[in-house]
Amino acid sequence: MRITLYRSNLCPRCLLARKHLYSIIGEDPAVFIEEIDILGSPKRCRQDGIGMVPAIVIGKEKLSGIFLSRKAIRAFINLHKT
């Protein structure tokens, strides 16, 4: 599974979402997480339709919001496990 995390190093909500994401995934070798810093890649973020961070993308589906709880992130990942 490929997960893309759109974040900013200046965003405390992004750091918390990143912490939750990595704690949920753990050491699962079947999961690849790509992190995109919006300040370093604004063009890509626009192309990918990212309007708010933190944002987690799996396939064509996005999870984003002001606050992404551990529960919401876990549920989103579980929807996409095969």
PDB file of N, CA and C in Angstrom:
ATOM      1  N   MET A   1       0.850  -1.173   0.000  1.00  0.00           N
ATOM      2  CA  MET A   1       0.000   0.000   0.000  1.00  0.00           C
ATOM      3  C   MET A   1       0.895   1.235   0.000  1.00  0.00           C
ATOM      4  N   ARG A   2       0.508   2.210  -0.787  1.00  0.00           N
ATOM      5  CA  ARG A   2       1.239   3.475  -0.851  1.00  0.00           C
ATOM      6  C   ARG A   2       0.370   4.565  -0.211  1.00  0.00           C
ATOM      7  N   ILE A   3       0.956   5.260   0.745  1.00  0.00           N
ATOM      8  CA  ILE A   3       0.283   6.363   1.430  1.00  0.00           C
ATOM      9  C   ILE A   3       1.101   7.625   1.211  1.00  0.00           C
ATOM     10  N   THR A   4       0.424   8.697   0.828  1.00  0.00           N
ATOM     11  CA  THR A   4       1.099   9.983   0.676  1.00  0.00           C
ATOM     12  C   THR A   4       0.589  10.913   1.770  1.00  0.00           C
ATOM     13  N   LEU A   5       1.539  11.480   2.498  1.00  0.00           N
ATOM     14  CA  LEU A   5       1.222  12.434   3.564  1.00  0.00           C
ATOM     15  C   LEU A   5       1.672  13.811   3.116  1.00  0.00           C
ATOM     16  N   TYR A   6       0.720  14.717   2.977  1.00  0.00           N
ATOM     17  CA  TYR A   6       1.029  16.111   2.650  1.00  0.00           C
ATOM     18  C   TYR A   6       1.058  16.863   3.969  1.00  0.00           C
ATOM     19  N   ARG A   7       2.155  17.569   4.192  1.00  0.00           N
ATOM     20  CA  ARG A   7       2.346  18.213   5.483  1.00  0.00           C
ATOM     21  C   ARG A   7       3.254  19.427   5.341  1.00  0.00           C
ATOM     22  N   SER A   8       3.366  20.158   6.426  1.00  0.00           N
ATOM     23  CA  SER A   8       4.307  21.259   6.538  1.00  0.00           C
ATOM     24  C   SER A   8       5.070  21.090   7.843  1.00  0.00           C
ATOM     25  N   ASN A   9       6.358  21.358   7.802  1.00  0.00           N
ATOM     26  CA  ASN A   9       7.159  21.282   9.028  1.00  0.00           C
ATOM     27  C   ASN A   9       6.767  22.364  10.032  1.00  0.00           C
ATOM     28  N   LEU A  10       6.066  23.379   9.562  1.00  0.00           N
ATOM     29  CA  LEU A  10       5.661  24.484  10.436  1.00  0.00           C
ATOM     30  C   LEU A  10       4.294  24.265  11.078  1.00  0.00           C
ATOM     31  N   CYS A  11       3.657  23.155  10.754  1.00  0.00           N
ATOM     32  CA  CYS A  11       2.280  22.894  11.184  1.00  0.00           C
ATOM     33  C   CYS A  11       2.260  21.859  12.316  1.00  0.00           C
ATOM     34  N   PRO A  12       1.883  22.256  13.534  1.00  0.00           N
ATOM     35  CA  PRO A  12       1.848  21.289  14.635  1.00  0.00           C
ATOM     36  C   PRO A  12       0.800  20.193  14.421  1.00  0.00           C
ATOM     37  N   ARG A  13      -0.307  20.500  13.739  1.00  0.00           N
ATOM     38  CA  ARG A  13      -1.312  19.472  13.442  1.00  0.00           C
ATOM     39  C   ARG A  13      -0.743  18.417  12.497  1.00  0.00           C
ATOM     40  N   CYS A  14       0.109  18.854  11.568  1.00  0.00           N
ATOM     41  CA  CYS A  14       0.744  17.927  10.627  1.00  0.00           C
ATOM     42  C   CYS A  14       1.706  16.993  11.354  1.00  0.00           C
ATOM     43  N   LEU A  15       2.443  17.535  12.289  1.00  0.00           N
ATOM     44  CA  LEU A  15       3.378  16.706  13.053  1.00  0.00           C
ATOM     45  C   LEU A  15       2.636  15.663  13.873  1.00  0.00           C
ATOM     46  N   LEU A  16       1.492  16.027  14.425  1.00  0.00           N
ATOM     47  CA  LEU A  16       0.690  15.081  15.194  1.00  0.00           C
ATOM     48  C   LEU A  16       0.104  14.006  14.279  1.00  0.00           C
ATOM     49  N   ALA A  17      -0.408  14.411  13.113  1.00  0.00           N
ATOM     50  CA  ALA A  17      -0.958  13.433  12.165  1.00  0.00           C
ATOM     51  C   ALA A  17       0.143  12.475  11.696  1.00  0.00           C
ATOM     52  N   ARG A  18       1.333  12.985  11.472  1.00  0.00           N
ATOM     53  CA  ARG A  18       2.462  12.147  11.056  1.00  0.00           C
ATOM     54  C   ARG A  18       2.793  11.130  12.153  1.00  0.00           C
ATOM     55  N   LYS A  19       2.802  11.593  13.391  1.00  0.00           N
ATOM     56  CA  LYS A  19       3.087  10.706  14.524  1.00  0.00           C
ATOM     57  C   LYS A  19       2.040   9.597  14.604  1.00  0.00           C
ATOM     58  N   HIS A  20       0.771   9.960  14.467  1.00  0.00           N
ATOM     59  CA  HIS A  20      -0.310   8.965  14.491  1.00  0.00           C
ATOM     60  C   HIS A  20      -0.142   7.980  13.344  1.00  0.00           C
ATOM     61  N   LEU A  21       0.122   8.481  12.151  1.00  0.00           N
ATOM     62  CA  LEU A  21       0.251   7.626  10.974  1.00  0.00           C
ATOM     63  C   LEU A  21       1.353   6.593  11.155  1.00  0.00           C
ATOM     64  N   TYR A  22       2.523   7.032  11.584  1.00  0.00           N
ATOM     65  CA  TYR A  22       3.641   6.107  11.758  1.00  0.00           C
ATOM     66  C   TYR A  22       3.395   5.128  12.905  1.00  0.00           C
ATOM     67  N   SER A  23       2.685   5.554  13.940  1.00  0.00           N
ATOM     68  CA  SER A  23       2.411   4.625  15.036  1.00  0.00           C
ATOM     69  C   SER A  23       1.385   3.568  14.614  1.00  0.00           C
ATOM     70  N   ILE A  24       0.470   3.929  13.745  1.00  0.00           N
ATOM     71  CA  ILE A  24      -0.528   2.974  13.259  1.00  0.00           C
ATOM     72  C   ILE A  24       0.121   1.977  12.294  1.00  0.00           C
ATOM     73  N   ILE A  25       0.943   2.468  11.413  1.00  0.00           N
ATOM     74  CA  ILE A  25       1.580   1.613  10.403  1.00  0.00           C
ATOM     75  C   ILE A  25       2.640   0.726  11.039  1.00  0.00           C
ATOM     76  N   GLY A  26       3.385   1.291  11.970  1.00  0.00           N
ATOM     77  CA  GLY A  26       4.438   0.526  12.627  1.00  0.00           C
ATOM     78  C   GLY A  26       5.521   0.114  11.652  1.00  0.00           C
ATOM     79  N   GLU A  27       5.910  -1.125  11.720  1.00  0.00           N
ATOM     80  CA  GLU A  27       6.994  -1.650  10.886  1.00  0.00           C
ATOM     81  C   GLU A  27       6.449  -2.482   9.725  1.00  0.00           C
ATOM     82  N   ASP A  28       5.265  -2.199   9.253  1.00  0.00           N
ATOM     83  CA  ASP A  28       4.645  -2.977   8.178  1.00  0.00           C
ATOM     84  C   ASP A  28       5.411  -2.776   6.868  1.00  0.00           C
ATOM     85  N   PRO A  29       6.086  -3.818   6.372  1.00  0.00           N
ATOM     86  CA  PRO A  29       6.872  -3.677   5.140  1.00  0.00           C
ATOM     87  C   PRO A  29       6.010  -3.537   3.891  1.00  0.00           C
ATOM     88  N   ALA A  30       4.715  -3.802   3.992  1.00  0.00           N
ATOM     89  CA  ALA A  30       3.829  -3.693   2.840  1.00  0.00           C
ATOM     90  C   ALA A  30       3.347  -2.263   2.610  1.00  0.00           C
ATOM     91  N   VAL A  31       3.734  -1.354   3.494  1.00  0.00           N
ATOM     92  CA  VAL A  31       3.279   0.037   3.404  1.00  0.00           C
ATOM     93  C   VAL A  31       4.464   0.944   3.095  1.00  0.00           C
ATOM     94  N   PHE A  32       4.280   1.786   2.070  1.00  0.00           N
ATOM     95  CA  PHE A  32       5.275   2.792   1.727  1.00  0.00           C
ATOM     96  C   PHE A  32       4.638   4.154   1.956  1.00  0.00           C
ATOM     97  N   ILE A  33       5.284   4.980   2.770  1.00  0.00           N
ATOM     98  CA  ILE A  33       4.774   6.323   3.048  1.00  0.00           C
ATOM     99  C   ILE A  33       5.667   7.339   2.358  1.00  0.00           C
ATOM    100  N   GLU A  34       5.051   8.146   1.501  1.00  0.00           N
ATOM    101  CA  GLU A  34       5.748   9.258   0.849  1.00  0.00           C
ATOM    102  C   GLU A  34       5.290  10.534   1.541  1.00  0.00           C
ATOM    103  N   GLU A  35       6.233  11.349   1.967  1.00  0.00           N
ATOM    104  CA  GLU A  35       5.894  12.621   2.605  1.00  0.00           C
ATOM    105  C   GLU A  35       6.196  13.767   1.656  1.00  0.00           C
ATOM    106  N   ILE A  36       5.223  14.639   1.482  1.00  0.00           N
ATOM    107  CA  ILE A  36       5.364  15.807   0.620  1.00  0.00           C
ATOM    108  C   ILE A  36       5.226  17.051   1.488  1.00  0.00           C
ATOM    109  N   ASP A  37       6.270  17.855   1.524  1.00  0.00           N
ATOM    110  CA  ASP A  37       6.227  19.123   2.255  1.00  0.00           C
ATOM    111  C   ASP A  37       5.621  20.172   1.328  1.00  0.00           C
ATOM    112  N   ILE A  38       4.517  20.753   1.727  1.00  0.00           N
ATOM    113  CA  ILE A  38       3.817  21.690   0.850  1.00  0.00           C
ATOM    114  C   ILE A  38       4.633  22.935   0.531  1.00  0.00           C
ATOM    115  N   LEU A  39       5.521  23.315   1.426  1.00  0.00           N
ATOM    116  CA  LEU A  39       6.343  24.492   1.171  1.00  0.00           C
ATOM    117  C   LEU A  39       7.429  24.196   0.136  1.00  0.00           C
ATOM    118  N   GLY A  40       7.876  22.960   0.076  1.00  0.00           N
ATOM    119  CA  GLY A  40       8.908  22.573  -0.874  1.00  0.00           C
ATOM    120  C   GLY A  40       8.366  22.128  -2.217  1.00  0.00           C
ATOM    121  N   SER A  41       7.087  21.754  -2.263  1.00  0.00           N
ATOM    122  CA  SER A  41       6.479  21.235  -3.492  1.00  0.00           C
ATOM    123  C   SER A  41       5.080  21.813  -3.716  1.00  0.00           C
ATOM    124  N   PRO A  42       4.955  23.148  -3.789  1.00  0.00           N
ATOM    125  CA  PRO A  42       3.615  23.724  -3.929  1.00  0.00           C
ATOM    126  C   PRO A  42       2.940  23.352  -5.250  1.00  0.00           C
ATOM    127  N   LYS A  43       3.712  23.212  -6.310  1.00  0.00           N
ATOM    128  CA  LYS A  43       3.136  22.874  -7.610  1.00  0.00           C
ATOM    129  C   LYS A  43       2.506  21.482  -7.571  1.00  0.00           C
ATOM    130  N   ARG A  44       3.213  20.547  -6.979  1.00  0.00           N
ATOM    131  CA  ARG A  44       2.675  19.185  -6.881  1.00  0.00           C
ATOM    132  C   ARG A  44       1.400  19.169  -6.040  1.00  0.00           C
ATOM    133  N   CYS A  45       1.394  19.927  -4.958  1.00  0.00           N
ATOM    134  CA  CYS A  45       0.204  19.970  -4.101  1.00  0.00           C
ATOM    135  C   CYS A  45      -0.999  20.503  -4.876  1.00  0.00           C
ATOM    136  N   ARG A  46      -0.788  21.543  -5.668  1.00  0.00           N
ATOM    137  CA  ARG A  46      -1.876  22.075  -6.490  1.00  0.00           C
ATOM    138  C   ARG A  46      -2.345  21.034  -7.500  1.00  0.00           C
ATOM    139  N   GLN A  47      -1.400  20.380  -8.159  1.00  0.00           N
ATOM    140  CA  GLN A  47      -1.743  19.363  -9.160  1.00  0.00           C
ATOM    141  C   GLN A  47      -2.514  18.205  -8.537  1.00  0.00           C
ATOM    142  N   ASP A  48      -2.168  17.860  -7.300  1.00  0.00           N
ATOM    143  CA  ASP A  48      -2.822  16.745  -6.620  1.00  0.00           C
ATOM    144  C   ASP A  48      -4.121  17.160  -5.920  1.00  0.00           C
ATOM    145  N   GLY A  49      -4.472  18.443  -5.991  1.00  0.00           N
ATOM    146  CA  GLY A  49      -5.726  18.919  -5.415  1.00  0.00           C
ATOM    147  C   GLY A  49      -5.716  19.053  -3.902  1.00  0.00           C
ATOM    148  N   ILE A  50      -4.543  19.274  -3.327  1.00  0.00           N
ATOM    149  CA  ILE A  50      -4.434  19.423  -1.877  1.00  0.00           C
ATOM    150  C   ILE A  50      -4.691  20.879  -1.510  1.00  0.00           C
ATOM    151  N   GLY A  51      -5.722  21.102  -0.722  1.00  0.00           N
ATOM    152  CA  GLY A  51      -6.061  22.456  -0.321  1.00  0.00           C
ATOM    153  C   GLY A  51      -5.881  22.712   1.167  1.00  0.00           C
ATOM    154  N   MET A  52      -5.646  21.633   1.906  1.00  0.00           N
ATOM    155  CA  MET A  52      -5.507  21.755   3.356  1.00  0.00           C
ATOM    156  C   MET A  52      -4.550  20.676   3.847  1.00  0.00           C
ATOM    157  N   VAL A  53      -3.769  21.030   4.836  1.00  0.00           N
ATOM    158  CA  VAL A  53      -2.891  20.034   5.459  1.00  0.00           C
ATOM    159  C   VAL A  53      -3.245  19.941   6.939  1.00  0.00           C
ATOM    160  N   PRO A  54      -3.045  18.816   7.542  1.00  0.00           N
ATOM    161  CA  PRO A  54      -2.490  17.605   6.972  1.00  0.00           C
ATOM    162  C   PRO A  54      -3.494  16.922   6.045  1.00  0.00           C
ATOM    163  N   ALA A  55      -2.944  16.195   5.066  1.00  0.00           N
ATOM    164  CA  ALA A  55      -3.770  15.412   4.161  1.00  0.00           C
ATOM    165  C   ALA A  55      -3.076  14.073   3.936  1.00  0.00           C
ATOM    166  N   ILE A  56      -3.866  13.019   3.958  1.00  0.00           N
ATOM    167  CA  ILE A  56      -3.368  11.672   3.715  1.00  0.00           C
ATOM    168  C   ILE A  56      -4.105  11.160   2.490  1.00  0.00           C
ATOM    169  N   VAL A  57      -3.342  10.653   1.522  1.00  0.00           N
ATOM    170  CA  VAL A  57      -3.929  10.152   0.284  1.00  0.00           C
ATOM    171  C   VAL A  57      -3.555   8.689   0.111  1.00  0.00           C
ATOM    172  N   ILE A  58      -4.570   7.886  -0.155  1.00  0.00           N
ATOM    173  CA  ILE A  58      -4.379   6.483  -0.508  1.00  0.00           C
ATOM    174  C   ILE A  58      -5.178   6.273  -1.786  1.00  0.00           C
ATOM    175  N   GLY A  59      -4.481   5.910  -2.850  1.00  0.00           N
ATOM    176  CA  GLY A  59      -5.153   5.775  -4.137  1.00  0.00           C
ATOM    177  C   GLY A  59      -5.658   7.122  -4.596  1.00  0.00           C
ATOM    178  N   LYS A  60      -6.956   7.216  -4.846  1.00  0.00           N
ATOM    179  CA  LYS A  60      -7.554   8.478  -5.287  1.00  0.00           C
ATOM    180  C   LYS A  60      -8.364   9.150  -4.187  1.00  0.00           C
ATOM    181  N   GLU A  61      -8.313   8.571  -2.995  1.00  0.00           N
ATOM    182  CA  GLU A  61      -9.091   9.118  -1.888  1.00  0.00           C
ATOM    183  C   GLU A  61      -8.210   9.898  -0.916  1.00  0.00           C
ATOM    184  N   LYS A  62      -8.788  10.988  -0.378  1.00  0.00           N
ATOM    185  CA  LYS A  62      -8.066  11.879   0.544  1.00  0.00           C
ATOM    186  C   LYS A  62      -8.764  11.940   1.887  1.00  0.00           C
ATOM    187  N   LEU A  63      -7.941  12.046   2.899  1.00  0.00           N
ATOM    188  CA  LEU A  63      -8.422  12.347   4.243  1.00  0.00           C
ATOM    189  C   LEU A  63      -7.682  13.609   4.665  1.00  0.00           C
ATOM    190  N   SER A  64      -8.422  14.671   4.902  1.00  0.00           N
ATOM    191  CA  SER A  64      -7.777  15.907   5.361  1.00  0.00           C
ATOM    192  C   SER A  64      -8.722  16.620   6.305  1.00  0.00           C
ATOM    193  N   GLY A  65      -8.157  17.508   7.055  1.00  0.00           N
ATOM    194  CA  GLY A  65      -8.963  18.260   8.001  1.00  0.00           C
ATOM    195  C   GLY A  65      -8.087  19.032   8.955  1.00  0.00           C
ATOM    196  N   ILE A  66      -8.719  19.865   9.726  1.00  0.00           N
ATOM    197  CA  ILE A  66      -7.976  20.677  10.678  1.00  0.00           C
ATOM    198  C   ILE A  66      -7.285  19.791  11.697  1.00  0.00           C
ATOM    199  N   PHE A  67      -7.986  18.754  12.135  1.00  0.00           N
ATOM    200  CA  PHE A  67      -7.403  17.823  13.104  1.00  0.00           C
ATOM    201  C   PHE A  67      -7.720  16.407  12.658  1.00  0.00           C
ATOM    202  N   LEU A  68      -6.683  15.613  12.403  1.00  0.00           N
ATOM    203  CA  LEU A  68      -6.867  14.211  12.047  1.00  0.00           C
ATOM    204  C   LEU A  68      -6.542  13.371  13.275  1.00  0.00           C
ATOM    205  N   SER A  69      -7.556  12.789  13.826  1.00  0.00           N
ATOM    206  CA  SER A  69      -7.366  11.967  15.024  1.00  0.00           C
ATOM    207  C   SER A  69      -6.770  10.614  14.652  1.00  0.00           C
ATOM    208  N   ARG A  70      -6.200   9.957  15.630  1.00  0.00           N
ATOM    209  CA  ARG A  70      -5.660   8.611  15.430  1.00  0.00           C
ATOM    210  C   ARG A  70      -6.779   7.681  14.939  1.00  0.00           C
ATOM    211  N   LYS A  71      -7.964   7.824  15.521  1.00  0.00           N
ATOM    212  CA  LYS A  71      -9.098   6.979  15.153  1.00  0.00           C
ATOM    213  C   LYS A  71      -9.484   7.187  13.688  1.00  0.00           C
ATOM    214  N   ALA A  72      -9.539   8.438  13.227  1.00  0.00           N
ATOM    215  CA  ALA A  72      -9.905   8.739  11.838  1.00  0.00           C
ATOM    216  C   ALA A  72      -8.849   8.208  10.866  1.00  0.00           C
ATOM    217  N   ILE A  73      -7.582   8.356  11.219  1.00  0.00           N
ATOM    218  CA  ILE A  73      -6.501   7.871  10.364  1.00  0.00           C
ATOM    219  C   ILE A  73      -6.543   6.346  10.281  1.00  0.00           C
ATOM    220  N   ARG A  74      -6.726   5.693  11.412  1.00  0.00           N
ATOM    221  CA  ARG A  74      -6.799   4.223  11.433  1.00  0.00           C
ATOM    222  C   ARG A  74      -7.976   3.731  10.581  1.00  0.00           C
ATOM    223  N   ALA A  75      -9.138   4.350  10.711  1.00  0.00           N
ATOM    224  CA  ALA A  75     -10.313   3.949   9.937  1.00  0.00           C
ATOM    225  C   ALA A  75     -10.072   4.145   8.442  1.00  0.00           C
ATOM    226  N   PHE A  76      -9.436   5.237   8.059  1.00  0.00           N
ATOM    227  CA  PHE A  76      -9.132   5.518   6.652  1.00  0.00           C
ATOM    228  C   PHE A  76      -8.188   4.457   6.085  1.00  0.00           C
ATOM    229  N   ILE A  77      -7.169   4.112   6.837  1.00  0.00           N
ATOM    230  CA  ILE A  77      -6.214   3.085   6.391  1.00  0.00           C
ATOM    231  C   ILE A  77      -6.903   1.727   6.290  1.00  0.00           C
ATOM    232  N   ASN A  78      -7.705   1.391   7.276  1.00  0.00           N
ATOM    233  CA  ASN A  78      -8.391   0.099   7.269  1.00  0.00           C
ATOM    234  C   ASN A  78      -9.336  -0.063   6.078  1.00  0.00           C
ATOM    235  N   LEU A  79      -9.909   1.043   5.607  1.00  0.00           N
ATOM    236  CA  LEU A  79     -10.770   0.996   4.425  1.00  0.00           C
ATOM    237  C   LEU A  79     -10.009   0.567   3.170  1.00  0.00           C
ATOM    238  N   HIS A  80      -8.711   0.821   3.162  1.00  0.00           N
ATOM    239  CA  HIS A  80      -7.910   0.584   1.960  1.00  0.00           C
ATOM    240  C   HIS A  80      -7.012  -0.638   2.041  1.00  0.00           C
ATOM    241  N   LYS A  81      -7.045  -1.343   3.143  1.00  0.00           N
ATOM    242  CA  LYS A  81      -6.233  -2.567   3.251  1.00  0.00           C
ATOM    243  C   LYS A  81      -6.868  -3.664   2.414  1.00  0.00           C
ATOM    244  N   THR A  82      -6.016  -4.417   1.747  1.00  0.00           N
ATOM    245  CA  THR A  82      -6.534  -5.517   0.923  1.00  0.00           C
ATOM    246  C   THR A  82      -5.988  -6.841   1.391  1.00  0.00           C
TER     247      THR A  82
END
